[in-house]
Amino acid sequence: MLSPSIPNCCYCIHCNPQSTNYLLNCCDFFPLRALSIPAVVWLASLCKILHSSFYPHQSSFLNNNNNNNAGSIQKKNVLFVIAHPDDESMFFSPTINHLTSRGHNIHILCMSTGNADGIGDVRKEELYKASVILKVPLQQVTTIDHPDFQDGFGKVWNSSKLSKILEKKILAHAIDMIITFDNYGVSGHCNHRDVHQGVRRFTLDTSEKDIEAWELVSSNIVRKYSGPIDIWLSFWTLKGEMHCLVNEHPLRSYAAMSQHLSQWVWFRKLFVSFSSYTYVNTLRKINK
């Protein structure tokens, strides 16, 4: 008896032995293509940063022209309020690099010495070294060592006291703008969040209505570790009074963070390499 005929299928190994190589090639091709897509996006993102290094992005942030000198930028005194030594390099360096490259006058107010492990004096010196790399004058870097503002989880910082310290700093240096953490504080650290509350308290209590306050927008964990890819998402999600600042000198940020030798362990090296905060900052205005 004749067996029923089986239609010849070019994809069937029994009918066409050459299809074995075809299937193997497909198995190799599709995973490779899947991996190549993020690699291409990552490369494109790095090219965007490289392009920004040579041709700085013309952001409207602090780019108001001086009416007395058309075409020039009116320089501002900008105060970064952070919780610990290394916050300036780990989170805010794209903004610091953007502002220093345009001649704005940068001040840093660090609300603790980072003394959770008993090395506050060491960490304070590391902050000064990092500030040199970031082109912030040392006389404009202030570290607070106060019993009520000690580094650590579970330590609540009084927003009213923080506001008063902030007010003295602002009046002494004619500060025009404050930049700090948002309510989540990037990592959720309680000290970061308390700094935000202290700045917000100042904006509500102060009679200095011309001082602007801006916060660094926290992102979800996927975007947080997407590296330079987050540049595209940051621009895409801008709305209202927000600005996106691309880091024009990412190697400078890496060098600044490496000055914090007491914190420069393997997982922080990975963080600085893959964190979106090394490559881009999104700032949002704090409404009074």
C-alpha atoms as a PDB file:
ATOM      1  CA  MET A   1       0.000   0.000   0.000  1.00  0.00           C
ATOM      2  CA  LEU A   2       1.229   3.364  -0.900  1.00  0.00           C
ATOM      3  CA  SER A   3       1.595   5.802   1.959  1.00  0.00           C
ATOM      4  CA  PRO A   4      -0.236   9.092   1.612  1.00  0.00           C
ATOM      5  CA  SER A   5       1.906  11.780   0.071  1.00  0.00           C
ATOM      6  CA  ILE A   6       3.285  14.386   2.401  1.00  0.00           C
ATOM      7  CA  PRO A   7       3.564  17.878   0.976  1.00  0.00           C
ATOM      8  CA  ASN A   8       7.125  19.060   0.663  1.00  0.00           C
ATOM      9  CA  CYS A   9       7.806  21.877   3.164  1.00  0.00           C
ATOM     10  CA  CYS A  10      10.957  23.931   2.787  1.00  0.00           C
ATOM     11  CA  TYR A  11      11.020  24.447   6.567  1.00  0.00           C
ATOM     12  CA  CYS A  12      10.806  20.715   7.397  1.00  0.00           C
ATOM     13  CA  ILE A  13      14.128  19.152   8.294  1.00  0.00           C
ATOM     14  CA  HIS A  14      12.988  15.722   7.041  1.00  0.00           C
ATOM     15  CA  CYS A  15      11.943  17.097   3.655  1.00  0.00           C
ATOM     16  CA  ASN A  16      14.757  19.572   3.248  1.00  0.00           C
ATOM     17  CA  PRO A  17      17.954  18.916   5.254  1.00  0.00           C
ATOM     18  CA  GLN A  18      19.261  22.351   4.302  1.00  0.00           C
ATOM     19  CA  SER A  19      16.514  23.840   6.477  1.00  0.00           C
ATOM     20  CA  THR A  20      18.596  22.824   9.514  1.00  0.00           C
ATOM     21  CA  ASN A  21      21.079  25.567   8.750  1.00  0.00           C
ATOM     22  CA  TYR A  22      18.213  27.972   8.127  1.00  0.00           C
ATOM     23  CA  LEU A  23      16.731  27.343  11.575  1.00  0.00           C
ATOM     24  CA  LEU A  24      20.087  27.639  13.275  1.00  0.00           C
ATOM     25  CA  ASN A  25      20.719  30.916  11.530  1.00  0.00           C
ATOM     26  CA  CYS A  26      17.319  32.219  12.638  1.00  0.00           C
ATOM     27  CA  CYS A  27      18.008  31.237  16.241  1.00  0.00           C
ATOM     28  CA  ASP A  28      21.288  33.125  16.103  1.00  0.00           C
ATOM     29  CA  PHE A  29      19.869  36.128  14.281  1.00  0.00           C
ATOM     30  CA  PHE A  30      16.841  37.104  16.346  1.00  0.00           C
ATOM     31  CA  PRO A  31      18.541  37.247  19.788  1.00  0.00           C
ATOM     32  CA  LEU A  32      21.388  39.167  18.184  1.00  0.00           C
ATOM     33  CA  ARG A  33      18.947  41.640  16.674  1.00  0.00           C
ATOM     34  CA  ALA A  34      17.137  41.971  20.018  1.00  0.00           C
ATOM     35  CA  LEU A  35      20.399  42.790  21.743  1.00  0.00           C
ATOM     36  CA  SER A  36      21.558  45.149  19.022  1.00  0.00           C
ATOM     37  CA  ILE A  37      18.584  47.519  19.386  1.00  0.00           C
ATOM     38  CA  PRO A  38      19.426  48.762  22.926  1.00  0.00           C
ATOM     39  CA  ALA A  39      23.103  48.817  21.958  1.00  0.00           C
ATOM     40  CA  VAL A  40      22.336  51.136  19.045  1.00  0.00           C
ATOM     41  CA  VAL A  41      20.169  53.372  21.250  1.00  0.00           C
ATOM     42  CA  TRP A  42      22.930  53.467  23.899  1.00  0.00           C
ATOM     43  CA  LEU A  43      25.494  54.405  21.252  1.00  0.00           C
ATOM     44  CA  ALA A  44      23.206  57.090  19.834  1.00  0.00           C
ATOM     45  CA  SER A  45      22.732  58.485  23.332  1.00  0.00           C
ATOM     46  CA  LEU A  46      26.488  58.662  23.906  1.00  0.00           C
ATOM     47  CA  CYS A  47      26.845  60.432  20.558  1.00  0.00           C
ATOM     48  CA  LYS A  48      24.256  62.944  21.737  1.00  0.00           C
ATOM     49  CA  ILE A  49      26.375  63.640  24.830  1.00  0.00           C
ATOM     50  CA  LEU A  50      29.547  63.888  22.737  1.00  0.00           C
ATOM     51  CA  HIS A  51      27.790  66.317  20.422  1.00  0.00           C
ATOM     52  CA  SER A  52      26.690  68.384  23.439  1.00  0.00           C
ATOM     53  CA  SER A  53      30.289  68.542  24.625  1.00  0.00           C
ATOM     54  CA  PHE A  54      31.379  70.265  21.405  1.00  0.00           C
ATOM     55  CA  TYR A  55      28.106  72.047  20.606  1.00  0.00           C
ATOM     56  CA  PRO A  56      26.374  72.854  23.927  1.00  0.00           C
ATOM     57  CA  HIS A  57      22.594  72.563  23.971  1.00  0.00           C
ATOM     58  CA  GLN A  58      20.968  76.007  24.017  1.00  0.00           C
ATOM     59  CA  SER A  59      18.668  75.444  26.977  1.00  0.00           C
ATOM     60  CA  SER A  60      16.466  78.319  28.103  1.00  0.00           C
ATOM     61  CA  PHE A  61      17.324  77.513  31.723  1.00  0.00           C
ATOM     62  CA  LEU A  62      19.027  80.596  33.233  1.00  0.00           C
ATOM     63  CA  ASN A  63      19.578  81.895  29.728  1.00  0.00           C
ATOM     64  CA  ASN A  64      17.943  85.303  30.094  1.00  0.00           C
ATOM     65  CA  ASN A  65      19.849  87.932  28.184  1.00  0.00           C
ATOM     66  CA  ASN A  66      21.104  91.003  29.992  1.00  0.00           C
ATOM     67  CA  ASN A  67      19.061  93.926  28.749  1.00  0.00           C
ATOM     68  CA  ASN A  68      22.069  96.249  29.071  1.00  0.00           C
ATOM     69  CA  ASN A  69      24.252  94.020  26.936  1.00  0.00           C
ATOM     70  CA  ALA A  70      22.333  92.282  24.203  1.00  0.00           C
ATOM     71  CA  GLY A  71      23.477  88.742  23.513  1.00  0.00           C
ATOM     72  CA  SER A  72      25.206  88.210  26.885  1.00  0.00           C
ATOM     73  CA  ILE A  73      23.858  86.005  29.648  1.00  0.00           C
ATOM     74  CA  GLN A  74      23.073  87.548  32.999  1.00  0.00           C
ATOM     75  CA  LYS A  75      25.136  85.615  35.547  1.00  0.00           C
ATOM     76  CA  LYS A  76      23.321  84.226  38.583  1.00  0.00           C
ATOM     77  CA  ASN A  77      24.327  83.052  42.054  1.00  0.00           C
ATOM     78  CA  VAL A  78      23.020  79.500  42.300  1.00  0.00           C
ATOM     79  CA  LEU A  79      22.932  77.498  45.546  1.00  0.00           C
ATOM     80  CA  PHE A  80      22.840  73.691  45.532  1.00  0.00           C
ATOM     81  CA  VAL A  81      21.411  72.358  48.801  1.00  0.00           C
ATOM     82  CA  ILE A  82      22.433  68.724  49.330  1.00  0.00           C
ATOM     83  CA  ALA A  83      22.351  66.257  52.218  1.00  0.00           C
ATOM     84  CA  HIS A  84      25.730  64.476  52.062  1.00  0.00           C
ATOM     85  CA  PRO A  85      29.193  64.854  50.554  1.00  0.00           C
ATOM     86  CA  ASP A  86      29.051  63.044  47.149  1.00  0.00           C
ATOM     87  CA  ASP A  87      25.439  64.116  46.370  1.00  0.00           C
ATOM     88  CA  GLU A  88      26.823  66.925  44.208  1.00  0.00           C
ATOM     89  CA  SER A  89      28.794  64.479  42.031  1.00  0.00           C
ATOM     90  CA  MET A  90      26.426  61.518  42.069  1.00  0.00           C
ATOM     91  CA  PHE A  91      23.192  63.358  41.288  1.00  0.00           C
ATOM     92  CA  PHE A  92      23.632  67.037  40.375  1.00  0.00           C
ATOM     93  CA  SER A  93      26.769  67.126  38.213  1.00  0.00           C
ATOM     94  CA  PRO A  94      24.963  67.583  34.850  1.00  0.00           C
ATOM     95  CA  THR A  95      23.368  70.772  36.192  1.00  0.00           C
ATOM     96  CA  ILE A  96      26.580  71.996  37.853  1.00  0.00           C
ATOM     97  CA  ASN A  97      28.544  71.422  34.631  1.00  0.00           C
ATOM     98  CA  HIS A  98      25.862  73.180  32.594  1.00  0.00           C
ATOM     99  CA  LEU A  99      25.889  76.261  34.822  1.00  0.00           C
ATOM    100  CA  THR A 100      29.647  76.582  35.367  1.00  0.00           C
ATOM    101  CA  SER A 101      30.301  76.329  31.620  1.00  0.00           C
ATOM    102  CA  ARG A 102      28.031  79.355  31.164  1.00  0.00           C
ATOM    103  CA  GLY A 103      29.737  81.396  33.849  1.00  0.00           C
ATOM    104  CA  HIS A 104      27.145  81.212  36.594  1.00  0.00           C
ATOM    105  CA  ASN A 105      28.389  81.437  40.189  1.00  0.00           C
ATOM    106  CA  ILE A 106      27.877  78.133  42.021  1.00  0.00           C
ATOM    107  CA  HIS A 107      27.572  77.643  45.791  1.00  0.00           C
ATOM    108  CA  ILE A 108      27.112  74.323  47.594  1.00  0.00           C
ATOM    109  CA  LEU A 109      25.471  73.956  51.016  1.00  0.00           C
ATOM    110  CA  CYS A 110      25.902  70.412  52.362  1.00  0.00           C
ATOM    111  CA  MET A 111      23.669  69.851  55.382  1.00  0.00           C
ATOM    112  CA  SER A 112      25.844  67.124  56.968  1.00  0.00           C
ATOM    113  CA  THR A 113      29.386  65.793  56.952  1.00  0.00           C
ATOM    114  CA  GLY A 114      28.173  62.281  56.130  1.00  0.00           C
ATOM    115  CA  ASN A 115      29.360  61.028  59.493  1.00  0.00           C
ATOM    116  CA  ALA A 116      27.229  57.864  59.637  1.00  0.00           C
ATOM    117  CA  ASP A 117      30.393  55.722  59.712  1.00  0.00           C
ATOM    118  CA  GLY A 118      32.423  58.126  61.849  1.00  0.00           C
ATOM    119  CA  ILE A 119      34.466  59.559  58.969  1.00  0.00           C
ATOM    120  CA  GLY A 120      32.775  62.949  58.640  1.00  0.00           C
ATOM    121  CA  ASP A 121      36.057  64.877  58.514  1.00  0.00           C
ATOM    122  CA  VAL A 122      37.333  62.657  55.700  1.00  0.00           C
ATOM    123  CA  ARG A 123      34.159  63.046  53.686  1.00  0.00           C
ATOM    124  CA  LYS A 124      34.180  66.816  54.107  1.00  0.00           C
ATOM    125  CA  GLU A 125      37.664  66.977  52.579  1.00  0.00           C
ATOM    126  CA  GLU A 126      36.521  64.721  49.755  1.00  0.00           C
ATOM    127  CA  LEU A 127      33.710  67.175  48.994  1.00  0.00           C
ATOM    128  CA  TYR A 128      36.258  69.983  48.642  1.00  0.00           C
ATOM    129  CA  LYS A 129      38.351  67.893  46.236  1.00  0.00           C
ATOM    130  CA  ALA A 130      35.291  67.020  44.143  1.00  0.00           C
ATOM    131  CA  SER A 131      34.274  70.690  44.067  1.00  0.00           C
ATOM    132  CA  VAL A 132      37.633  71.593  42.543  1.00  0.00           C
ATOM    133  CA  ILE A 133      36.992  69.094  39.732  1.00  0.00           C
ATOM    134  CA  LEU A 134      33.511  70.565  39.206  1.00  0.00           C
ATOM    135  CA  LYS A 135      34.978  74.082  39.096  1.00  0.00           C
ATOM    136  CA  VAL A 136      33.186  75.295  42.228  1.00  0.00           C
ATOM    137  CA  PRO A 137      35.355  77.687  44.306  1.00  0.00           C
ATOM    138  CA  LEU A 138      36.199  76.193  47.713  1.00  0.00           C
ATOM    139  CA  GLN A 139      35.168  79.364  49.546  1.00  0.00           C
ATOM    140  CA  GLN A 140      31.680  78.778  48.149  1.00  0.00           C
ATOM    141  CA  VAL A 141      31.339  75.270  49.581  1.00  0.00           C
ATOM    142  CA  THR A 142      29.834  75.030  53.073  1.00  0.00           C
ATOM    143  CA  THR A 143      29.415  71.861  55.129  1.00  0.00           C
ATOM    144  CA  ILE A 144      27.166  71.869  58.192  1.00  0.00           C
ATOM    145  CA  ASP A 145      28.196  69.816  61.229  1.00  0.00           C
ATOM    146  CA  HIS A 146      25.231  70.181  63.587  1.00  0.00           C
ATOM    147  CA  PRO A 147      23.831  67.676  66.123  1.00  0.00           C
ATOM    148  CA  ASP A 148      20.375  68.019  64.551  1.00  0.00           C
ATOM    149  CA  PHE A 149      21.639  67.276  61.032  1.00  0.00           C
ATOM    150  CA  GLN A 150      23.481  63.984  61.251  1.00  0.00           C
ATOM    151  CA  ASP A 151      23.710  61.475  58.421  1.00  0.00           C
ATOM    152  CA  GLY A 152      21.630  58.338  58.827  1.00  0.00           C
ATOM    153  CA  PHE A 153      18.339  56.619  58.237  1.00  0.00           C
ATOM    154  CA  GLY A 154      15.696  57.318  60.839  1.00  0.00           C
ATOM    155  CA  LYS A 155      17.164  60.718  61.743  1.00  0.00           C
ATOM    156  CA  VAL A 156      14.555  63.408  61.114  1.00  0.00           C
ATOM    157  CA  TRP A 157      15.913  66.822  60.171  1.00  0.00           C
ATOM    158  CA  ASN A 158      13.885  69.786  61.401  1.00  0.00           C
ATOM    159  CA  SER A 159      12.662  71.745  58.373  1.00  0.00           C
ATOM    160  CA  SER A 160      12.343  75.037  60.287  1.00  0.00           C
ATOM    161  CA  LYS A 161      15.968  74.903  61.515  1.00  0.00           C
ATOM    162  CA  LEU A 162      17.150  73.951  58.062  1.00  0.00           C
ATOM    163  CA  SER A 163      15.193  76.867  56.595  1.00  0.00           C
ATOM    164  CA  LYS A 164      16.904  79.335  58.953  1.00  0.00           C
ATOM    165  CA  ILE A 165      20.373  78.042  58.051  1.00  0.00           C
ATOM    166  CA  LEU A 166      19.426  78.334  54.413  1.00  0.00           C
ATOM    167  CA  GLU A 167      18.202  81.893  54.862  1.00  0.00           C
ATOM    168  CA  LYS A 168      21.530  83.024  56.373  1.00  0.00           C
ATOM    169  CA  LYS A 169      23.435  81.475  53.474  1.00  0.00           C
ATOM    170  CA  ILE A 170      21.173  83.094  50.904  1.00  0.00           C
ATOM    171  CA  LEU A 171      21.369  86.567  52.407  1.00  0.00           C
ATOM    172  CA  ALA A 172      25.147  86.381  52.893  1.00  0.00           C
ATOM    173  CA  HIS A 173      25.821  85.498  49.243  1.00  0.00           C
ATOM    174  CA  ALA A 174      22.937  87.206  47.409  1.00  0.00           C
ATOM    175  CA  ILE A 175      21.623  83.897  46.092  1.00  0.00           C
ATOM    176  CA  ASP A 176      19.265  84.122  43.117  1.00  0.00           C
ATOM    177  CA  MET A 177      18.299  80.465  42.773  1.00  0.00           C
ATOM    178  CA  ILE A 178      18.161  77.269  44.870  1.00  0.00           C
ATOM    179  CA  ILE A 179      18.459  73.744  43.425  1.00  0.00           C
ATOM    180  CA  THR A 180      17.810  70.685  45.577  1.00  0.00           C
ATOM    181  CA  PHE A 181      16.155  67.257  45.715  1.00  0.00           C
ATOM    182  CA  ASP A 182      12.463  66.681  45.086  1.00  0.00           C
ATOM    183  CA  ASN A 183      10.164  65.138  47.689  1.00  0.00           C
ATOM    184  CA  TYR A 184      11.368  61.584  46.936  1.00  0.00           C
ATOM    185  CA  GLY A 185      15.043  62.537  46.852  1.00  0.00           C
ATOM    186  CA  VAL A 186      16.142  60.291  43.932  1.00  0.00           C
ATOM    187  CA  SER A 187      16.971  57.314  46.179  1.00  0.00           C
ATOM    188  CA  GLY A 188      14.276  57.819  48.800  1.00  0.00           C
ATOM    189  CA  HIS A 189      16.886  58.573  51.487  1.00  0.00           C
ATOM    190  CA  CYS A 190      15.202  60.355  54.402  1.00  0.00           C
ATOM    191  CA  ASN A 191      17.944  63.019  54.582  1.00  0.00           C
ATOM    192  CA  HIS A 192      17.403  63.895  50.905  1.00  0.00           C
ATOM    193  CA  ARG A 193      13.680  64.235  51.514  1.00  0.00           C
ATOM    194  CA  ASP A 194      14.202  66.361  54.623  1.00  0.00           C
ATOM    195  CA  VAL A 195      16.432  68.730  52.646  1.00  0.00           C
ATOM    196  CA  HIS A 196      13.581  69.181  50.188  1.00  0.00           C
ATOM    197  CA  GLN A 197      11.174  69.929  53.019  1.00  0.00           C
ATOM    198  CA  GLY A 198      13.573  72.496  54.471  1.00  0.00           C
ATOM    199  CA  VAL A 199      13.899  74.283  51.124  1.00  0.00           C
ATOM    200  CA  ARG A 200      10.141  74.240  50.656  1.00  0.00           C
ATOM    201  CA  ARG A 201       9.721  75.676  54.158  1.00  0.00           C
ATOM    202  CA  PHE A 202      12.091  78.489  53.218  1.00  0.00           C
ATOM    203  CA  THR A 203      10.159  79.295  50.040  1.00  0.00           C
ATOM    204  CA  LEU A 204       6.930  79.518  52.025  1.00  0.00           C
ATOM    205  CA  ASP A 205       8.357  81.652  54.853  1.00  0.00           C
ATOM    206  CA  THR A 206      10.735  83.981  53.057  1.00  0.00           C
ATOM    207  CA  SER A 207       9.934  87.526  52.068  1.00  0.00           C
ATOM    208  CA  GLU A 208      12.503  87.250  49.245  1.00  0.00           C
ATOM    209  CA  LYS A 209      10.043  86.692  46.427  1.00  0.00           C
ATOM    210  CA  ASP A 210      12.615  86.927  43.625  1.00  0.00           C
ATOM    211  CA  ILE A 211      14.458  83.760  44.658  1.00  0.00           C
ATOM    212  CA  GLU A 212      13.542  80.754  42.528  1.00  0.00           C
ATOM    213  CA  ALA A 213      13.708  77.169  43.797  1.00  0.00           C
ATOM    214  CA  TRP A 214      14.075  74.122  41.556  1.00  0.00           C
ATOM    215  CA  GLU A 215      14.042  70.397  42.347  1.00  0.00           C
ATOM    216  CA  LEU A 216      15.794  67.445  40.738  1.00  0.00           C
ATOM    217  CA  VAL A 217      13.068  65.137  39.438  1.00  0.00           C
ATOM    218  CA  SER A 218      13.243  61.521  40.654  1.00  0.00           C
ATOM    219  CA  SER A 219      12.673  58.799  38.049  1.00  0.00           C
ATOM    220  CA  ASN A 220      11.565  55.180  38.278  1.00  0.00           C
ATOM    221  CA  ILE A 221      14.129  52.422  38.688  1.00  0.00           C
ATOM    222  CA  VAL A 222      14.145  51.450  34.989  1.00  0.00           C
ATOM    223  CA  ARG A 223      14.919  54.980  33.850  1.00  0.00           C
ATOM    224  CA  LYS A 224      17.287  55.505  36.769  1.00  0.00           C
ATOM    225  CA  TYR A 225      19.617  52.766  35.506  1.00  0.00           C
ATOM    226  CA  SER A 226      19.147  53.339  31.776  1.00  0.00           C
ATOM    227  CA  GLY A 227      22.267  55.486  31.538  1.00  0.00           C
ATOM    228  CA  PRO A 228      22.400  57.959  28.645  1.00  0.00           C
ATOM    229  CA  ILE A 229      19.266  56.428  27.075  1.00  0.00           C
ATOM    230  CA  ASP A 230      17.206  58.433  29.572  1.00  0.00           C
ATOM    231  CA  ILE A 231      18.163  61.619  27.721  1.00  0.00           C
ATOM    232  CA  TRP A 232      15.467  60.909  25.117  1.00  0.00           C
ATOM    233  CA  LEU A 233      12.823  60.022  27.704  1.00  0.00           C
ATOM    234  CA  SER A 234      13.652  63.125  29.739  1.00  0.00           C
ATOM    235  CA  PHE A 235      13.065  65.449  26.786  1.00  0.00           C
ATOM    236  CA  TRP A 236       9.914  63.551  25.826  1.00  0.00           C
ATOM    237  CA  THR A 237       8.347  63.844  29.309  1.00  0.00           C
ATOM    238  CA  LEU A 238       8.960  67.573  29.794  1.00  0.00           C
ATOM    239  CA  LYS A 239       5.855  69.520  30.728  1.00  0.00           C
ATOM    240  CA  GLY A 240       5.085  72.775  32.495  1.00  0.00           C
ATOM    241  CA  GLU A 241       7.970  74.541  34.208  1.00  0.00           C
ATOM    242  CA  MET A 242      10.625  71.874  33.641  1.00  0.00           C
ATOM    243  CA  HIS A 243      14.057  71.843  32.032  1.00  0.00           C
ATOM    244  CA  CYS A 244      16.248  68.981  30.810  1.00  0.00           C
ATOM    245  CA  LEU A 245      20.022  69.519  31.071  1.00  0.00           C
ATOM    246  CA  VAL A 246      22.381  67.111  29.297  1.00  0.00           C
ATOM    247  CA  ASN A 247      25.769  66.576  30.914  1.00  0.00           C
ATOM    248  CA  GLU A 248      28.322  68.210  28.621  1.00  0.00           C
ATOM    249  CA  HIS A 249      31.242  66.778  30.640  1.00  0.00           C
ATOM    250  CA  PRO A 250      30.365  63.260  31.902  1.00  0.00           C
ATOM    251  CA  LEU A 251      34.031  62.333  32.397  1.00  0.00           C
ATOM    252  CA  ARG A 252      34.358  65.314  34.720  1.00  0.00           C
ATOM    253  CA  SER A 253      31.442  63.947  36.740  1.00  0.00           C
ATOM    254  CA  TYR A 254      33.130  60.555  36.983  1.00  0.00           C
ATOM    255  CA  ALA A 255      36.396  62.204  38.050  1.00  0.00           C
ATOM    256  CA  ALA A 256      34.578  64.267  40.682  1.00  0.00           C
ATOM    257  CA  MET A 257      32.891  61.213  42.173  1.00  0.00           C
ATOM    258  CA  SER A 258      36.225  59.381  42.265  1.00  0.00           C
ATOM    259  CA  GLN A 259      37.488  62.046  44.699  1.00  0.00           C
ATOM    260  CA  HIS A 260      35.131  60.563  47.300  1.00  0.00           C
ATOM    261  CA  LEU A 261      37.549  57.709  47.962  1.00  0.00           C
ATOM    262  CA  SER A 262      35.796  56.549  51.123  1.00  0.00           C
ATOM    263  CA  GLN A 263      32.646  55.931  49.037  1.00  0.00           C
ATOM    264  CA  TRP A 264      34.335  54.829  45.801  1.00  0.00           C
ATOM    265  CA  VAL A 265      33.471  51.121  46.097  1.00  0.00           C
ATOM    266  CA  TRP A 266      32.559  48.823  43.211  1.00  0.00           C
ATOM    267  CA  PHE A 267      28.774  49.299  43.308  1.00  0.00           C
ATOM    268  CA  ARG A 268      29.086  53.095  43.280  1.00  0.00           C
ATOM    269  CA  LYS A 269      31.418  52.868  40.306  1.00  0.00           C
ATOM    270  CA  LEU A 270      28.694  50.888  38.553  1.00  0.00           C
ATOM    271  CA  PHE A 271      26.083  53.401  39.692  1.00  0.00           C
ATOM    272  CA  VAL A 272      27.974  56.363  38.249  1.00  0.00           C
ATOM    273  CA  SER A 273      28.521  54.474  34.975  1.00  0.00           C
ATOM    274  CA  PHE A 274      24.899  53.382  34.479  1.00  0.00           C
ATOM    275  CA  SER A 275      22.894  55.984  36.379  1.00  0.00           C
ATOM    276  CA  SER A 276      20.887  58.393  34.238  1.00  0.00           C
ATOM    277  CA  TYR A 277      21.832  61.136  36.738  1.00  0.00           C
ATOM    278  CA  THR A 278      25.383  61.032  35.397  1.00  0.00           C
ATOM    279  CA  TYR A 279      24.143  61.988  31.946  1.00  0.00           C
ATOM    280  CA  VAL A 280      21.043  64.143  32.363  1.00  0.00           C
ATOM    281  CA  ASN A 281      19.132  66.145  34.988  1.00  0.00           C
ATOM    282  CA  THR A 282      15.476  67.089  34.779  1.00  0.00           C
ATOM    283  CA  LEU A 283      14.631  70.122  36.915  1.00  0.00           C
ATOM    284  CA  ARG A 284      11.155  71.214  37.960  1.00  0.00           C
ATOM    285  CA  LYS A 285      10.269  74.557  39.505  1.00  0.00           C
ATOM    286  CA  ILE A 286       9.071  74.473  43.123  1.00  0.00           C
ATOM    287  CA  ASN A 287       5.929  76.577  43.265  1.00  0.00           C
ATOM    288  CA  LYS A 288       5.573  78.855  46.259  1.00  0.00           C
END
